[in-house]
Amino acid sequence: MRKRIVYSVLAIWIFFWILFFARGLYKGNLRKYRALLSRSAEARISYIIGAEFHSFLKEAMDMMPKDATYRIASERKPIDRYRIIYYLYPRKISNEPDYNIYYKGGQYILRKL
């Protein structure tokens, strides 16, 4: 009898857990997941970090050689600093950089020093 109660409570708990999980997917994230699944890896990155910021990073990767150094003078949001560092790897941050990255007038600018 006691075992039956434990299994019943466990089954009800699992049912509600699945219900709340499915509800969270349905309430808005499902559209985002569907949009991400139908895109290529490059388009997913652009969707997540923003098209403007992604195009700047692509331009910076094309302009800068892999052994270049750079300095981030200012950023729009603090997380952008870490995104720049992540996506521009193996290029390194330096106090005496080859390139300067700064945010001005609503856009990021990459300038060779």
N, C-alpha and C. Protein backbone atom coordinates (compact mmCIF):
# COMPACT_ATOMS: atom_id res chain seq x y z
N MET A 1 0.82 -1.20 0.00
CA MET A 1 0.00 0.00 0.00
C MET A 1 0.87 1.27 0.00
N ARG A 2 1.87 1.25 0.86
CA ARG A 2 2.77 2.41 0.95
C ARG A 2 3.55 2.60 -0.36
N LYS A 3 3.96 1.50 -0.96
CA LYS A 3 4.69 1.55 -2.22
C LYS A 3 3.81 2.15 -3.33
N ARG A 4 2.56 1.82 -3.31
CA ARG A 4 1.61 2.31 -4.31
C ARG A 4 1.44 3.83 -4.18
N ILE A 5 1.38 4.32 -2.97
CA ILE A 5 1.25 5.77 -2.74
C ILE A 5 2.50 6.50 -3.24
N VAL A 6 3.66 5.94 -2.95
CA VAL A 6 4.92 6.56 -3.40
C VAL A 6 4.96 6.62 -4.93
N TYR A 7 4.60 5.54 -5.60
CA TYR A 7 4.60 5.52 -7.06
C TYR A 7 3.56 6.48 -7.63
N SER A 8 2.43 6.61 -6.98
CA SER A 8 1.39 7.54 -7.44
C SER A 8 1.87 8.98 -7.33
N VAL A 9 2.46 9.31 -6.19
CA VAL A 9 2.98 10.67 -5.99
C VAL A 9 4.10 10.95 -6.99
N LEU A 10 4.98 10.00 -7.21
CA LEU A 10 6.06 10.16 -8.17
C LEU A 10 5.52 10.36 -9.59
N ALA A 11 4.51 9.59 -9.96
CA ALA A 11 3.91 9.72 -11.29
C ALA A 11 3.26 11.10 -11.46
N ILE A 12 2.56 11.56 -10.44
CA ILE A 12 1.94 12.88 -10.50
C ILE A 12 3.00 13.97 -10.59
N TRP A 13 4.07 13.83 -9.83
CA TRP A 13 5.15 14.82 -9.85
C TRP A 13 5.80 14.87 -11.23
N ILE A 14 6.07 13.72 -11.82
CA ILE A 14 6.67 13.67 -13.16
C ILE A 14 5.72 14.27 -14.19
N PHE A 15 4.43 13.98 -14.07
CA PHE A 15 3.44 14.54 -14.99
C PHE A 15 3.47 16.06 -14.95
N PHE A 16 3.45 16.64 -13.75
CA PHE A 16 3.46 18.10 -13.63
C PHE A 16 4.79 18.69 -14.08
N TRP A 17 5.88 18.00 -13.85
CA TRP A 17 7.19 18.48 -14.30
C TRP A 17 7.20 18.57 -15.82
N ILE A 18 6.71 17.53 -16.49
CA ILE A 18 6.65 17.54 -17.96
C ILE A 18 5.69 18.63 -18.44
N LEU A 19 4.58 18.80 -17.76
CA LEU A 19 3.61 19.83 -18.12
C LEU A 19 4.22 21.23 -18.04
N PHE A 20 4.92 21.53 -16.95
CA PHE A 20 5.54 22.85 -16.81
C PHE A 20 6.68 23.04 -17.81
N PHE A 21 7.42 22.00 -18.12
CA PHE A 21 8.49 22.09 -19.11
C PHE A 21 7.90 22.39 -20.49
N ALA A 22 6.87 21.66 -20.87
CA ALA A 22 6.23 21.87 -22.18
C ALA A 22 5.58 23.25 -22.25
N ARG A 23 5.01 23.70 -21.16
CA ARG A 23 4.39 25.02 -21.12
C ARG A 23 5.43 26.11 -21.35
N GLY A 24 6.61 25.96 -20.75
CA GLY A 24 7.68 26.93 -20.95
C GLY A 24 8.14 26.99 -22.40
N LEU A 25 8.19 25.83 -23.05
CA LEU A 25 8.56 25.82 -24.47
C LEU A 25 7.50 26.49 -25.32
N TYR A 26 6.26 26.23 -25.00
CA TYR A 26 5.16 26.73 -25.80
C TYR A 26 4.95 28.23 -25.64
N LYS A 27 5.27 28.78 -24.49
CA LYS A 27 4.95 30.19 -24.20
C LYS A 27 5.88 31.19 -24.86
N GLY A 28 6.56 30.88 -25.89
CA GLY A 28 7.37 31.88 -26.57
C GLY A 28 8.70 31.36 -27.02
N ASN A 29 9.27 30.45 -26.29
CA ASN A 29 10.57 29.94 -26.68
C ASN A 29 10.49 29.00 -27.87
N LEU A 30 9.35 28.40 -28.09
CA LEU A 30 9.20 27.45 -29.19
C LEU A 30 9.46 28.13 -30.53
N ARG A 31 8.98 29.36 -30.69
CA ARG A 31 9.23 30.09 -31.94
C ARG A 31 10.71 30.37 -32.13
N LYS A 32 11.38 30.73 -31.03
CA LYS A 32 12.82 31.00 -31.11
C LYS A 32 13.59 29.73 -31.44
N TYR A 33 13.22 28.63 -30.80
CA TYR A 33 13.89 27.36 -31.09
C TYR A 33 13.67 26.95 -32.54
N ARG A 34 12.46 27.13 -33.03
CA ARG A 34 12.16 26.79 -34.42
C ARG A 34 12.99 27.66 -35.37
N ALA A 35 13.12 28.95 -35.04
CA ALA A 35 13.91 29.85 -35.88
C ALA A 35 15.37 29.44 -35.89
N LEU A 36 15.88 29.00 -34.76
CA LEU A 36 17.28 28.59 -34.69
C LEU A 36 17.52 27.26 -35.41
N LEU A 37 16.58 26.34 -35.33
CA LEU A 37 16.76 25.04 -35.96
C LEU A 37 16.79 25.13 -37.48
N SER A 38 16.09 26.10 -38.04
CA SER A 38 16.00 26.19 -39.49
C SER A 38 17.14 27.01 -40.11
N ARG A 39 18.08 27.47 -39.32
CA ARG A 39 19.16 28.31 -39.84
C ARG A 39 20.49 27.59 -39.82
N SER A 40 21.43 28.13 -40.60
CA SER A 40 22.79 27.59 -40.59
C SER A 40 23.51 28.08 -39.33
N ALA A 41 24.69 27.56 -39.09
CA ALA A 41 25.44 27.94 -37.88
C ALA A 41 25.76 29.43 -37.89
N GLU A 42 26.14 29.96 -39.03
CA GLU A 42 26.46 31.38 -39.15
C GLU A 42 25.23 32.25 -38.89
N ALA A 43 24.10 31.83 -39.43
CA ALA A 43 22.85 32.58 -39.23
C ALA A 43 22.37 32.50 -37.78
N ARG A 44 22.64 31.39 -37.11
CA ARG A 44 22.29 31.27 -35.69
C ARG A 44 23.06 32.28 -34.85
N ILE A 45 24.36 32.39 -35.13
CA ILE A 45 25.19 33.35 -34.39
C ILE A 45 24.67 34.76 -34.62
N SER A 46 24.35 35.08 -35.87
CA SER A 46 23.82 36.41 -36.20
C SER A 46 22.50 36.67 -35.49
N TYR A 47 21.65 35.67 -35.41
CA TYR A 47 20.35 35.79 -34.73
C TYR A 47 20.54 36.04 -33.24
N ILE A 48 21.52 35.36 -32.64
CA ILE A 48 21.72 35.44 -31.19
C ILE A 48 22.39 36.75 -30.78
N ILE A 49 23.47 37.14 -31.47
CA ILE A 49 24.21 38.33 -31.03
C ILE A 49 23.78 39.61 -31.75
N GLY A 50 22.95 39.49 -32.76
CA GLY A 50 22.49 40.67 -33.50
C GLY A 50 23.21 40.78 -34.83
N ALA A 51 22.48 41.13 -35.86
CA ALA A 51 23.03 41.17 -37.22
C ALA A 51 24.11 42.23 -37.36
N GLU A 52 23.91 43.39 -36.76
CA GLU A 52 24.89 44.48 -36.88
C GLU A 52 26.21 44.11 -36.20
N PHE A 53 26.13 43.58 -35.00
CA PHE A 53 27.33 43.19 -34.26
C PHE A 53 28.03 42.03 -34.96
N HIS A 54 27.26 41.11 -35.51
CA HIS A 54 27.84 39.97 -36.22
C HIS A 54 28.57 40.42 -37.49
N SER A 55 27.99 41.37 -38.22
CA SER A 55 28.66 41.86 -39.43
C SER A 55 29.95 42.58 -39.08
N PHE A 56 29.97 43.31 -37.95
CA PHE A 56 31.21 43.95 -37.51
C PHE A 56 32.27 42.89 -37.19
N LEU A 57 31.89 41.84 -36.48
CA LEU A 57 32.85 40.79 -36.13
C LEU A 57 33.38 40.09 -37.37
N LYS A 58 32.52 39.83 -38.36
CA LYS A 58 32.98 39.20 -39.61
C LYS A 58 33.98 40.11 -40.32
N GLU A 59 33.69 41.40 -40.36
CA GLU A 59 34.59 42.36 -40.99
C GLU A 59 35.93 42.40 -40.25
N ALA A 60 35.87 42.40 -38.93
CA ALA A 60 37.10 42.43 -38.12
C ALA A 60 37.92 41.16 -38.34
N MET A 61 37.27 40.01 -38.41
CA MET A 61 37.99 38.76 -38.65
C MET A 61 38.64 38.75 -40.02
N ASP A 62 37.98 39.34 -41.02
CA ASP A 62 38.54 39.40 -42.36
C ASP A 62 39.71 40.37 -42.45
N MET A 63 39.62 41.50 -41.73
CA MET A 63 40.66 42.53 -41.80
C MET A 63 41.92 42.18 -41.01
N MET A 64 41.73 41.55 -39.86
CA MET A 64 42.86 41.32 -38.95
C MET A 64 43.49 39.95 -39.20
N PRO A 65 44.83 39.92 -39.32
CA PRO A 65 45.48 38.61 -39.41
C PRO A 65 45.35 37.86 -38.08
N LYS A 66 45.55 36.55 -38.13
CA LYS A 66 45.34 35.72 -36.94
C LYS A 66 46.31 36.03 -35.80
N ASP A 67 47.47 36.58 -36.10
CA ASP A 67 48.44 36.89 -35.04
C ASP A 67 48.39 38.36 -34.61
N ALA A 68 47.35 39.08 -35.00
CA ALA A 68 47.23 40.50 -34.67
C ALA A 68 46.86 40.69 -33.20
N THR A 69 47.16 41.89 -32.71
CA THR A 69 46.75 42.27 -31.36
C THR A 69 45.78 43.45 -31.49
N TYR A 70 44.92 43.60 -30.49
CA TYR A 70 43.93 44.67 -30.54
C TYR A 70 43.63 45.16 -29.14
N ARG A 71 43.00 46.32 -29.08
CA ARG A 71 42.54 46.90 -27.82
C ARG A 71 41.09 47.32 -28.00
N ILE A 72 40.28 47.03 -26.99
CA ILE A 72 38.88 47.44 -27.01
C ILE A 72 38.78 48.72 -26.19
N ALA A 73 38.57 49.85 -26.86
CA ALA A 73 38.57 51.14 -26.18
C ALA A 73 37.28 51.37 -25.41
N SER A 74 36.16 51.04 -25.98
CA SER A 74 34.88 51.17 -25.29
C SER A 74 33.93 50.18 -25.92
N GLU A 75 32.91 49.83 -25.17
CA GLU A 75 31.93 48.91 -25.71
C GLU A 75 30.53 49.39 -25.38
N ARG A 76 29.60 48.95 -26.17
CA ARG A 76 28.20 49.35 -26.00
C ARG A 76 27.63 48.71 -24.75
N LYS A 77 27.84 47.43 -24.60
CA LYS A 77 27.38 46.68 -23.43
C LYS A 77 28.58 45.91 -22.89
N PRO A 78 28.65 45.68 -21.60
CA PRO A 78 29.80 44.95 -21.05
C PRO A 78 29.96 43.55 -21.65
N ILE A 79 28.87 42.89 -22.01
CA ILE A 79 29.00 41.54 -22.57
C ILE A 79 29.65 41.57 -23.95
N ASP A 80 29.54 42.70 -24.65
CA ASP A 80 30.15 42.80 -25.98
C ASP A 80 31.66 42.61 -25.90
N ARG A 81 32.29 43.06 -24.83
CA ARG A 81 33.73 42.88 -24.67
C ARG A 81 34.09 41.40 -24.70
N TYR A 82 33.34 40.60 -23.98
CA TYR A 82 33.62 39.16 -23.92
C TYR A 82 33.27 38.47 -25.23
N ARG A 83 32.26 38.96 -25.90
CA ARG A 83 31.92 38.39 -27.21
C ARG A 83 33.01 38.70 -28.23
N ILE A 84 33.55 39.91 -28.19
CA ILE A 84 34.63 40.28 -29.10
C ILE A 84 35.84 39.39 -28.85
N ILE A 85 36.20 39.23 -27.59
CA ILE A 85 37.35 38.38 -27.23
C ILE A 85 37.12 36.95 -27.72
N TYR A 86 35.92 36.43 -27.52
CA TYR A 86 35.60 35.05 -27.90
C TYR A 86 35.66 34.85 -29.41
N TYR A 87 35.00 35.73 -30.17
CA TYR A 87 34.91 35.52 -31.61
C TYR A 87 36.17 35.91 -32.36
N LEU A 88 37.01 36.77 -31.80
CA LEU A 88 38.23 37.16 -32.50
C LEU A 88 39.43 36.29 -32.14
N TYR A 89 39.24 35.29 -31.30
CA TYR A 89 40.34 34.39 -30.98
C TYR A 89 40.84 33.73 -32.25
N PRO A 90 42.12 33.59 -32.51
CA PRO A 90 43.33 33.61 -31.69
C PRO A 90 43.98 34.99 -31.61
N ARG A 91 43.33 36.02 -32.12
CA ARG A 91 43.88 37.37 -31.97
C ARG A 91 43.83 37.74 -30.49
N LYS A 92 44.80 38.50 -30.02
CA LYS A 92 44.95 38.76 -28.58
C LYS A 92 44.76 40.24 -28.25
N ILE A 93 44.31 40.48 -27.01
CA ILE A 93 44.23 41.84 -26.48
C ILE A 93 45.63 42.25 -26.02
N SER A 94 45.98 43.51 -26.26
CA SER A 94 47.32 43.98 -25.89
C SER A 94 47.26 45.46 -25.51
N ASN A 95 48.24 45.88 -24.72
CA ASN A 95 48.36 47.31 -24.39
C ASN A 95 49.02 48.08 -25.53
N GLU A 96 49.77 47.39 -26.37
CA GLU A 96 50.37 48.00 -27.56
C GLU A 96 49.81 47.28 -28.79
N PRO A 97 48.58 47.62 -29.17
CA PRO A 97 47.88 46.85 -30.20
C PRO A 97 48.22 47.26 -31.62
N ASP A 98 47.90 46.37 -32.54
CA ASP A 98 47.96 46.68 -33.97
C ASP A 98 46.65 47.34 -34.43
N TYR A 99 45.56 47.01 -33.74
CA TYR A 99 44.23 47.52 -34.09
C TYR A 99 43.53 48.06 -32.85
N ASN A 100 42.64 49.01 -33.07
CA ASN A 100 41.85 49.59 -31.99
C ASN A 100 40.37 49.38 -32.32
N ILE A 101 39.62 48.86 -31.36
CA ILE A 101 38.19 48.66 -31.54
C ILE A 101 37.47 49.60 -30.58
N TYR A 102 36.58 50.43 -31.12
CA TYR A 102 35.81 51.30 -30.24
C TYR A 102 34.40 51.49 -30.78
N TYR A 103 33.52 51.93 -29.90
CA TYR A 103 32.11 52.12 -30.21
C TYR A 103 31.84 53.61 -30.30
N LYS A 104 31.34 54.06 -31.46
CA LYS A 104 31.08 55.48 -31.62
C LYS A 104 29.91 55.67 -32.58
N GLY A 105 29.02 56.55 -32.22
CA GLY A 105 27.91 56.91 -33.10
C GLY A 105 26.99 55.75 -33.45
N GLY A 106 26.81 54.85 -32.52
CA GLY A 106 25.90 53.74 -32.75
C GLY A 106 26.50 52.55 -33.46
N GLN A 107 27.82 52.53 -33.66
CA GLN A 107 28.42 51.38 -34.31
C GLN A 107 29.84 51.15 -33.82
N TYR A 108 30.30 49.94 -34.00
CA TYR A 108 31.68 49.60 -33.67
C TYR A 108 32.58 49.98 -34.83
N ILE A 109 33.78 50.44 -34.51
CA ILE A 109 34.74 50.85 -35.53
C ILE A 109 36.05 50.14 -35.26
N LEU A 110 36.65 49.60 -36.31
CA LEU A 110 37.94 48.93 -36.22
C LEU A 110 38.94 49.79 -36.97
N ARG A 111 40.00 50.21 -36.31
CA ARG A 111 40.99 51.07 -36.93
C ARG A 111 42.38 50.50 -36.72
N LYS A 112 43.16 50.45 -37.80
CA LYS A 112 44.55 49.99 -37.70
C LYS A 112 45.41 51.13 -37.19
N LEU A 113 46.27 50.83 -36.23
CA LEU A 113 47.15 51.86 -35.65
C LEU A 113 48.48 51.90 -36.36
